[in-house]
């Protein structure tokens, strides 16, 4: 058998192998391993209770606004080291009472409207008698979460007389409320008091009989406002409903 005759079968094998490899590369994903989905561990907190309702102090007016209990439901990106955290903030509207210009009784309905999900990071810790001693739980997390919210006003009255602010009176930009706190992520867990200081942006769209946006901006907008609430872990991981 000649050298050429012996080489032909070998060349055919090499050609078929190259064709097979090329076909496999031409159809990525057909047999290729799929990337694993990122870990998402659900959780749920209740905001506010009888001991510490969700309260916002308006610096310029020197008045507090107390809100009904709300919720923060989201997901944690794992249980080791520093991971992403995100969630939906829900706070029911409330009626507020203020004293404008130090003598003018003012009432109005205040609504907190989230601008997308709250996002941030959580550094997971363990040890009920060490890292998580403050939360009295086996697992806890140092959180740094920012929620961007619009502040909407309606049903305003000054000395009992209606102040027409229109149907879309709210801050022109969302306020950024950042919560930095050590929170429990295992049950059972006691409530944790959280506080934040934020700036209320100027108002816009407060147009009824006339535009009172500048008036409300002068009364309410500015730095030094506070947000205070008790966070109580309601559910974690498999205990949270989908």
C-alpha atoms as a PDB file:
ATOM      1  CA  UNK A   1       0.000   0.000   0.000  1.00  0.00           C
ATOM      2  CA  UNK A   2       1.403   3.369  -1.023  1.00  0.00           C
ATOM      3  CA  UNK A   3       1.981   6.247   1.350  1.00  0.00           C
ATOM      4  CA  UNK A   4      -0.774   8.217  -0.433  1.00  0.00           C
ATOM      5  CA  UNK A   5      -3.252   5.387  -0.001  1.00  0.00           C
ATOM      6  CA  UNK A   6      -2.502   5.154   3.719  1.00  0.00           C
ATOM      7  CA  UNK A   7      -2.809   8.943   4.135  1.00  0.00           C
ATOM      8  CA  UNK A   8      -6.293   9.280   2.612  1.00  0.00           C
ATOM      9  CA  UNK A   9      -8.221   7.701   5.535  1.00  0.00           C
ATOM     10  CA  UNK A  10      -6.267   9.864   7.997  1.00  0.00           C
ATOM     11  CA  UNK A  11      -7.077  13.011   6.037  1.00  0.00           C
ATOM     12  CA  UNK A  12     -10.769  12.039   5.973  1.00  0.00           C
ATOM     13  CA  UNK A  13     -10.788  11.574   9.760  1.00  0.00           C
ATOM     14  CA  UNK A  14      -9.128  14.952  10.296  1.00  0.00           C
ATOM     15  CA  UNK A  15     -11.590  16.642   7.920  1.00  0.00           C
ATOM     16  CA  UNK A  16     -14.613  15.131   9.673  1.00  0.00           C
ATOM     17  CA  UNK A  17     -13.231  16.138  13.060  1.00  0.00           C
ATOM     18  CA  UNK A  18     -12.678  19.723  11.901  1.00  0.00           C
ATOM     19  CA  UNK A  19     -16.212  19.826  10.434  1.00  0.00           C
ATOM     20  CA  UNK A  20     -17.708  18.546  13.695  1.00  0.00           C
ATOM     21  CA  UNK A  21     -15.820  21.150  15.756  1.00  0.00           C
ATOM     22  CA  UNK A  22     -16.888  23.915  13.396  1.00  0.00           C
ATOM     23  CA  UNK A  23     -20.528  22.841  13.636  1.00  0.00           C
ATOM     24  CA  UNK A  24     -20.354  22.828  17.422  1.00  0.00           C
ATOM     25  CA  UNK A  25     -18.912  26.346  17.453  1.00  0.00           C
ATOM     26  CA  UNK A  26     -21.528  27.525  14.964  1.00  0.00           C
ATOM     27  CA  UNK A  27     -24.349  26.561  17.333  1.00  0.00           C
ATOM     28  CA  UNK A  28     -23.375  28.051  20.706  1.00  0.00           C
ATOM     29  CA  UNK A  29     -25.813  27.338  23.471  1.00  0.00           C
ATOM     30  CA  UNK A  30     -27.039  24.111  21.886  1.00  0.00           C
ATOM     31  CA  UNK A  31     -24.874  22.020  24.160  1.00  0.00           C
ATOM     32  CA  UNK A  32     -22.954  24.776  25.930  1.00  0.00           C
ATOM     33  CA  UNK A  33     -23.401  25.090  29.715  1.00  0.00           C
ATOM     34  CA  UNK A  34     -25.880  27.805  30.668  1.00  0.00           C
ATOM     35  CA  UNK A  35     -24.851  30.540  33.148  1.00  0.00           C
ATOM     36  CA  UNK A  36     -26.419  30.143  36.555  1.00  0.00           C
ATOM     37  CA  UNK A  37     -28.936  32.741  37.684  1.00  0.00           C
ATOM     38  CA  UNK A  38     -27.773  35.137  40.402  1.00  0.00           C
ATOM     39  CA  UNK A  39     -28.841  34.225  43.930  1.00  0.00           C
ATOM     40  CA  UNK A  40     -31.956  36.117  45.011  1.00  0.00           C
ATOM     41  CA  UNK A  41     -33.094  35.514  48.587  1.00  0.00           C
ATOM     42  CA  UNK A  42     -36.453  37.201  49.295  1.00  0.00           C
ATOM     43  CA  UNK A  43     -37.183  39.091  52.498  1.00  0.00           C
ATOM     44  CA  UNK A  44     -39.870  41.316  53.939  1.00  0.00           C
ATOM     45  CA  UNK A  45     -39.806  44.049  56.592  1.00  0.00           C
ATOM     46  CA  UNK A  46     -42.632  45.977  58.226  1.00  0.00           C
ATOM     47  CA  UNK A  47     -41.978  49.705  58.669  1.00  0.00           C
ATOM     48  CA  UNK A  48     -43.275  51.351  61.819  1.00  0.00           C
ATOM     49  CA  UNK A  49     -45.031  50.060  64.932  1.00  0.00           C
ATOM     50  CA  UNK A  50     -46.651  51.362  68.111  1.00  0.00           C
ATOM     51  CA  UNK A  51     -43.266  52.047  69.731  1.00  0.00           C
ATOM     52  CA  UNK A  52     -41.819  53.919  66.746  1.00  0.00           C
ATOM     53  CA  UNK A  53     -44.143  54.809  63.868  1.00  0.00           C
ATOM     54  CA  UNK A  54     -42.664  55.833  60.554  1.00  0.00           C
ATOM     55  CA  UNK A  55     -42.197  59.559  61.117  1.00  0.00           C
ATOM     56  CA  UNK A  56     -40.773  62.385  59.052  1.00  0.00           C
ATOM     57  CA  UNK A  57     -39.742  65.639  60.697  1.00  0.00           C
ATOM     58  CA  UNK A  58     -40.078  68.670  58.415  1.00  0.00           C
ATOM     59  CA  UNK A  59     -37.256  70.973  59.470  1.00  0.00           C
ATOM     60  CA  UNK A  60     -38.622  74.259  58.107  1.00  0.00           C
ATOM     61  CA  UNK A  61     -42.050  73.769  59.692  1.00  0.00           C
ATOM     62  CA  UNK A  62     -40.766  72.157  62.882  1.00  0.00           C
ATOM     63  CA  UNK A  63     -43.505  69.541  62.522  1.00  0.00           C
ATOM     64  CA  UNK A  64     -43.670  65.744  62.451  1.00  0.00           C
ATOM     65  CA  UNK A  65     -45.653  63.648  59.981  1.00  0.00           C
ATOM     66  CA  UNK A  66     -46.592  60.160  61.202  1.00  0.00           C
ATOM     67  CA  UNK A  67     -47.408  57.517  58.568  1.00  0.00           C
ATOM     68  CA  UNK A  68     -49.358  54.243  58.932  1.00  0.00           C
ATOM     69  CA  UNK A  69     -47.270  51.035  58.934  1.00  0.00           C
ATOM     70  CA  UNK A  70     -45.613  50.297  55.586  1.00  0.00           C
ATOM     71  CA  UNK A  71     -43.546  47.528  54.024  1.00  0.00           C
ATOM     72  CA  UNK A  72     -40.184  46.948  52.389  1.00  0.00           C
ATOM     73  CA  UNK A  73     -40.067  43.760  50.308  1.00  0.00           C
ATOM     74  CA  UNK A  74     -37.072  42.780  48.260  1.00  0.00           C
ATOM     75  CA  UNK A  75     -34.213  40.386  47.665  1.00  0.00           C
ATOM     76  CA  UNK A  76     -30.705  39.822  48.967  1.00  0.00           C
ATOM     77  CA  UNK A  77     -28.016  38.712  46.527  1.00  0.00           C
ATOM     78  CA  UNK A  78     -26.528  36.011  48.757  1.00  0.00           C
ATOM     79  CA  UNK A  79     -25.448  35.265  52.308  1.00  0.00           C
ATOM     80  CA  UNK A  80     -21.697  35.804  52.144  1.00  0.00           C
ATOM     81  CA  UNK A  81     -19.595  38.960  52.228  1.00  0.00           C
ATOM     82  CA  UNK A  82     -21.032  42.122  50.601  1.00  0.00           C
ATOM     83  CA  UNK A  83     -23.950  41.527  48.244  1.00  0.00           C
ATOM     84  CA  UNK A  84     -26.483  43.689  46.366  1.00  0.00           C
ATOM     85  CA  UNK A  85     -29.859  44.384  47.939  1.00  0.00           C
ATOM     86  CA  UNK A  86     -32.998  45.850  46.377  1.00  0.00           C
ATOM     87  CA  UNK A  87     -36.627  46.193  47.309  1.00  0.00           C
ATOM     88  CA  UNK A  88     -39.949  47.952  46.936  1.00  0.00           C
ATOM     89  CA  UNK A  89     -40.861  50.554  49.539  1.00  0.00           C
ATOM     90  CA  UNK A  90     -44.568  51.031  50.288  1.00  0.00           C
ATOM     91  CA  UNK A  91     -45.757  53.682  52.758  1.00  0.00           C
ATOM     92  CA  UNK A  92     -49.481  54.545  52.907  1.00  0.00           C
ATOM     93  CA  UNK A  93     -50.453  58.240  52.603  1.00  0.00           C
ATOM     94  CA  UNK A  94     -51.347  60.213  55.706  1.00  0.00           C
ATOM     95  CA  UNK A  95     -52.871  63.516  56.792  1.00  0.00           C
ATOM     96  CA  UNK A  96     -50.414  66.011  58.219  1.00  0.00           C
ATOM     97  CA  UNK A  97     -50.830  69.060  60.463  1.00  0.00           C
ATOM     98  CA  UNK A  98     -48.386  71.980  60.312  1.00  0.00           C
ATOM     99  CA  UNK A  99     -48.119  75.517  61.588  1.00  0.00           C
ATOM    100  CA  UNK A 100     -47.004  77.737  58.727  1.00  0.00           C
ATOM    101  CA  UNK A 101     -45.304  81.092  59.447  1.00  0.00           C
ATOM    102  CA  UNK A 102     -45.464  80.161  63.168  1.00  0.00           C
ATOM    103  CA  UNK A 103     -49.174  80.998  63.453  1.00  0.00           C
ATOM    104  CA  UNK A 104     -51.124  79.638  60.465  1.00  0.00           C
ATOM    105  CA  UNK A 105     -52.687  76.186  60.947  1.00  0.00           C
ATOM    106  CA  UNK A 106     -52.190  74.110  57.815  1.00  0.00           C
ATOM    107  CA  UNK A 107     -53.368  70.594  56.993  1.00  0.00           C
ATOM    108  CA  UNK A 108     -52.774  68.402  53.967  1.00  0.00           C
ATOM    109  CA  UNK A 109     -52.497  64.886  52.671  1.00  0.00           C
ATOM    110  CA  UNK A 110     -48.919  63.665  52.229  1.00  0.00           C
ATOM    111  CA  UNK A 111     -48.056  60.792  49.907  1.00  0.00           C
ATOM    112  CA  UNK A 112     -44.690  59.081  49.408  1.00  0.00           C
ATOM    113  CA  UNK A 113     -44.251  57.853  45.797  1.00  0.00           C
ATOM    114  CA  UNK A 114     -41.203  55.642  45.126  1.00  0.00           C
ATOM    115  CA  UNK A 115     -39.116  56.414  42.034  1.00  0.00           C
ATOM    116  CA  UNK A 116     -38.219  52.811  41.191  1.00  0.00           C
ATOM    117  CA  UNK A 117     -36.779  50.233  43.583  1.00  0.00           C
ATOM    118  CA  UNK A 118     -34.588  51.069  46.544  1.00  0.00           C
ATOM    119  CA  UNK A 119     -31.069  49.708  45.966  1.00  0.00           C
ATOM    120  CA  UNK A 120     -27.805  49.308  47.817  1.00  0.00           C
ATOM    121  CA  UNK A 121     -25.506  46.793  49.451  1.00  0.00           C
ATOM    122  CA  UNK A 122     -25.585  44.497  52.460  1.00  0.00           C
ATOM    123  CA  UNK A 123     -22.570  43.047  54.268  1.00  0.00           C
ATOM    124  CA  UNK A 124     -23.688  39.762  55.800  1.00  0.00           C
ATOM    125  CA  UNK A 125     -22.478  38.871  59.309  1.00  0.00           C
ATOM    126  CA  UNK A 126     -22.998  35.957  61.690  1.00  0.00           C
ATOM    127  CA  UNK A 127     -22.787  35.321  65.413  1.00  0.00           C
ATOM    128  CA  UNK A 128     -25.585  36.046  67.864  1.00  0.00           C
ATOM    129  CA  UNK A 129     -23.101  36.897  70.622  1.00  0.00           C
ATOM    130  CA  UNK A 130     -20.578  38.707  68.409  1.00  0.00           C
ATOM    131  CA  UNK A 131     -21.291  40.471  65.082  1.00  0.00           C
ATOM    132  CA  UNK A 132     -25.092  40.257  65.445  1.00  0.00           C
ATOM    133  CA  UNK A 133     -25.303  40.941  69.167  1.00  0.00           C
ATOM    134  CA  UNK A 134     -27.205  44.197  68.559  1.00  0.00           C
ATOM    135  CA  UNK A 135     -29.931  42.413  66.564  1.00  0.00           C
ATOM    136  CA  UNK A 136     -30.036  39.318  68.832  1.00  0.00           C
ATOM    137  CA  UNK A 137     -30.059  37.033  65.775  1.00  0.00           C
ATOM    138  CA  UNK A 138     -27.748  34.425  64.268  1.00  0.00           C
ATOM    139  CA  UNK A 139     -27.467  36.288  60.954  1.00  0.00           C
ATOM    140  CA  UNK A 140     -27.556  40.043  60.332  1.00  0.00           C
ATOM    141  CA  UNK A 141     -26.439  42.524  57.699  1.00  0.00           C
ATOM    142  CA  UNK A 142     -24.894  45.975  57.618  1.00  0.00           C
ATOM    143  CA  UNK A 143     -27.074  47.685  55.013  1.00  0.00           C
ATOM    144  CA  UNK A 144     -26.581  50.814  52.964  1.00  0.00           C
ATOM    145  CA  UNK A 145     -29.787  51.312  50.964  1.00  0.00           C
ATOM    146  CA  UNK A 146     -31.075  54.407  49.154  1.00  0.00           C
ATOM    147  CA  UNK A 147     -34.718  54.960  48.260  1.00  0.00           C
ATOM    148  CA  UNK A 148     -35.641  57.762  45.878  1.00  0.00           C
ATOM    149  CA  UNK A 149     -39.142  59.099  46.529  1.00  0.00           C
ATOM    150  CA  UNK A 150     -41.373  61.916  45.369  1.00  0.00           C
ATOM    151  CA  UNK A 151     -43.319  63.808  48.046  1.00  0.00           C
ATOM    152  CA  UNK A 152     -46.849  64.598  46.896  1.00  0.00           C
ATOM    153  CA  UNK A 153     -49.264  67.028  48.565  1.00  0.00           C
ATOM    154  CA  UNK A 154     -53.051  67.244  48.197  1.00  0.00           C
ATOM    155  CA  UNK A 155     -56.185  68.339  50.077  1.00  0.00           C
ATOM    156  CA  UNK A 156     -54.336  71.314  51.552  1.00  0.00           C
ATOM    157  CA  UNK A 157     -56.135  73.762  53.831  1.00  0.00           C
ATOM    158  CA  UNK A 158     -54.893  76.930  55.492  1.00  0.00           C
ATOM    159  CA  UNK A 159     -56.872  78.124  58.524  1.00  0.00           C
ATOM    160  CA  UNK A 160     -59.627  75.779  57.411  1.00  0.00           C
ATOM    161  CA  UNK A 161     -59.817  77.239  53.912  1.00  0.00           C
ATOM    162  CA  UNK A 162     -58.930  75.148  50.882  1.00  0.00           C
ATOM    163  CA  UNK A 163     -55.620  75.894  49.222  1.00  0.00           C
ATOM    164  CA  UNK A 164     -55.982  74.603  45.678  1.00  0.00           C
ATOM    165  CA  UNK A 165     -52.710  72.824  44.852  1.00  0.00           C
ATOM    166  CA  UNK A 166     -54.004  70.916  41.843  1.00  0.00           C
ATOM    167  CA  UNK A 167     -53.887  67.169  41.250  1.00  0.00           C
ATOM    168  CA  UNK A 168     -50.149  66.754  40.630  1.00  0.00           C
ATOM    169  CA  UNK A 169     -48.414  68.793  43.308  1.00  0.00           C
ATOM    170  CA  UNK A 170     -45.166  67.067  44.207  1.00  0.00           C
ATOM    171  CA  UNK A 171     -41.431  67.562  44.408  1.00  0.00           C
ATOM    172  CA  UNK A 172     -39.855  68.272  41.030  1.00  0.00           C
ATOM    173  CA  UNK A 173     -37.180  65.630  41.696  1.00  0.00           C
ATOM    174  CA  UNK A 174     -37.200  62.650  44.024  1.00  0.00           C
ATOM    175  CA  UNK A 175     -35.706  62.990  47.483  1.00  0.00           C
ATOM    176  CA  UNK A 176     -32.927  60.507  48.314  1.00  0.00           C
ATOM    177  CA  UNK A 177     -33.440  58.760  51.646  1.00  0.00           C
ATOM    178  CA  UNK A 178     -30.475  56.576  52.632  1.00  0.00           C
ATOM    179  CA  UNK A 179     -30.773  54.015  55.409  1.00  0.00           C
ATOM    180  CA  UNK A 180     -27.565  52.702  56.974  1.00  0.00           C
ATOM    181  CA  UNK A 181     -28.278  50.173  59.694  1.00  0.00           C
ATOM    182  CA  UNK A 182     -27.460  46.746  61.080  1.00  0.00           C
ATOM    183  CA  UNK A 183     -30.617  44.697  60.488  1.00  0.00           C
ATOM    184  CA  UNK A 184     -31.577  41.094  61.295  1.00  0.00           C
ATOM    185  CA  UNK A 185     -31.972  38.564  58.493  1.00  0.00           C
ATOM    186  CA  UNK A 186     -33.045  35.587  60.584  1.00  0.00           C
ATOM    187  CA  UNK A 187     -36.130  34.985  62.697  1.00  0.00           C
ATOM    188  CA  UNK A 188     -37.248  35.611  65.368  1.00  0.00           C
ATOM    189  CA  UNK A 189     -35.949  39.172  65.476  1.00  0.00           C
ATOM    190  CA  UNK A 190     -36.760  42.318  67.471  1.00  0.00           C
ATOM    191  CA  UNK A 191     -37.437  45.632  65.674  1.00  0.00           C
ATOM    192  CA  UNK A 192     -34.504  47.850  64.754  1.00  0.00           C
ATOM    193  CA  UNK A 193     -34.769  51.638  64.851  1.00  0.00           C
ATOM    194  CA  UNK A 194     -33.456  53.319  61.708  1.00  0.00           C
ATOM    195  CA  UNK A 195     -32.915  57.015  61.015  1.00  0.00           C
ATOM    196  CA  UNK A 196     -31.971  59.103  57.998  1.00  0.00           C
ATOM    197  CA  UNK A 197     -31.527  62.786  57.192  1.00  0.00           C
ATOM    198  CA  UNK A 198     -32.584  64.030  53.761  1.00  0.00           C
ATOM    199  CA  UNK A 199     -33.193  67.127  51.682  1.00  0.00           C
ATOM    200  CA  UNK A 200     -36.681  67.871  50.384  1.00  0.00           C
ATOM    201  CA  UNK A 201     -36.451  69.152  46.757  1.00  0.00           C
ATOM    202  CA  UNK A 202     -38.468  72.104  45.440  1.00  0.00           C
ATOM    203  CA  UNK A 203     -42.119  71.550  44.486  1.00  0.00           C
ATOM    204  CA  UNK A 204     -43.590  71.764  41.001  1.00  0.00           C
ATOM    205  CA  UNK A 205     -46.975  71.281  39.350  1.00  0.00           C
ATOM    206  CA  UNK A 206     -48.891  72.776  42.284  1.00  0.00           C
ATOM    207  CA  UNK A 207     -51.322  74.605  40.043  1.00  0.00           C
ATOM    208  CA  UNK A 208     -54.963  75.162  40.979  1.00  0.00           C
ATOM    209  CA  UNK A 209     -56.454  78.634  40.689  1.00  0.00           C
ATOM    210  CA  UNK A 210     -52.848  79.785  40.600  1.00  0.00           C
ATOM    211  CA  UNK A 211     -49.363  78.253  40.817  1.00  0.00           C
ATOM    212  CA  UNK A 212     -48.417  77.860  44.483  1.00  0.00           C
ATOM    213  CA  UNK A 213     -45.299  75.741  43.838  1.00  0.00           C
ATOM    214  CA  UNK A 214     -42.932  78.489  44.999  1.00  0.00           C
ATOM    215  CA  UNK A 215     -44.995  79.054  48.151  1.00  0.00           C
ATOM    216  CA  UNK A 216     -44.798  75.376  49.118  1.00  0.00           C
ATOM    217  CA  UNK A 217     -41.113  75.234  48.210  1.00  0.00           C
ATOM    218  CA  UNK A 218     -40.480  78.117  50.587  1.00  0.00           C
ATOM    219  CA  UNK A 219     -42.499  76.449  53.356  1.00  0.00           C
ATOM    220  CA  UNK A 220     -41.257  72.857  53.064  1.00  0.00           C
ATOM    221  CA  UNK A 221     -38.227  72.330  50.813  1.00  0.00           C
ATOM    222  CA  UNK A 222     -34.692  72.260  52.146  1.00  0.00           C
ATOM    223  CA  UNK A 223     -32.160  70.163  54.100  1.00  0.00           C
ATOM    224  CA  UNK A 224     -32.253  68.743  57.603  1.00  0.00           C
ATOM    225  CA  UNK A 225     -35.438  66.682  57.384  1.00  0.00           C
ATOM    226  CA  UNK A 226     -35.420  63.332  59.165  1.00  0.00           C
ATOM    227  CA  UNK A 227     -36.938  59.904  58.563  1.00  0.00           C
ATOM    228  CA  UNK A 228     -37.342  57.570  61.555  1.00  0.00           C
ATOM    229  CA  UNK A 229     -38.916  54.117  61.712  1.00  0.00           C
ATOM    230  CA  UNK A 230     -38.774  50.701  63.336  1.00  0.00           C
ATOM    231  CA  UNK A 231     -37.891  47.893  60.916  1.00  0.00           C
ATOM    232  CA  UNK A 232     -39.320  44.510  61.898  1.00  0.00           C
ATOM    233  CA  UNK A 233     -38.314  41.431  59.913  1.00  0.00           C
ATOM    234  CA  UNK A 234     -41.552  39.829  58.720  1.00  0.00           C
ATOM    235  CA  UNK A 235     -40.214  36.966  56.606  1.00  0.00           C
ATOM    236  CA  UNK A 236     -36.988  35.678  55.091  1.00  0.00           C
ATOM    237  CA  UNK A 237     -36.140  33.176  52.337  1.00  0.00           C
ATOM    238  CA  UNK A 238     -38.698  30.376  52.004  1.00  0.00           C
ATOM    239  CA  UNK A 239     -41.020  32.040  54.504  1.00  0.00           C
ATOM    240  CA  UNK A 240     -41.786  34.880  52.070  1.00  0.00           C
ATOM    241  CA  UNK A 241     -44.645  34.503  49.634  1.00  0.00           C
ATOM    242  CA  UNK A 242     -43.777  34.787  45.959  1.00  0.00           C
END
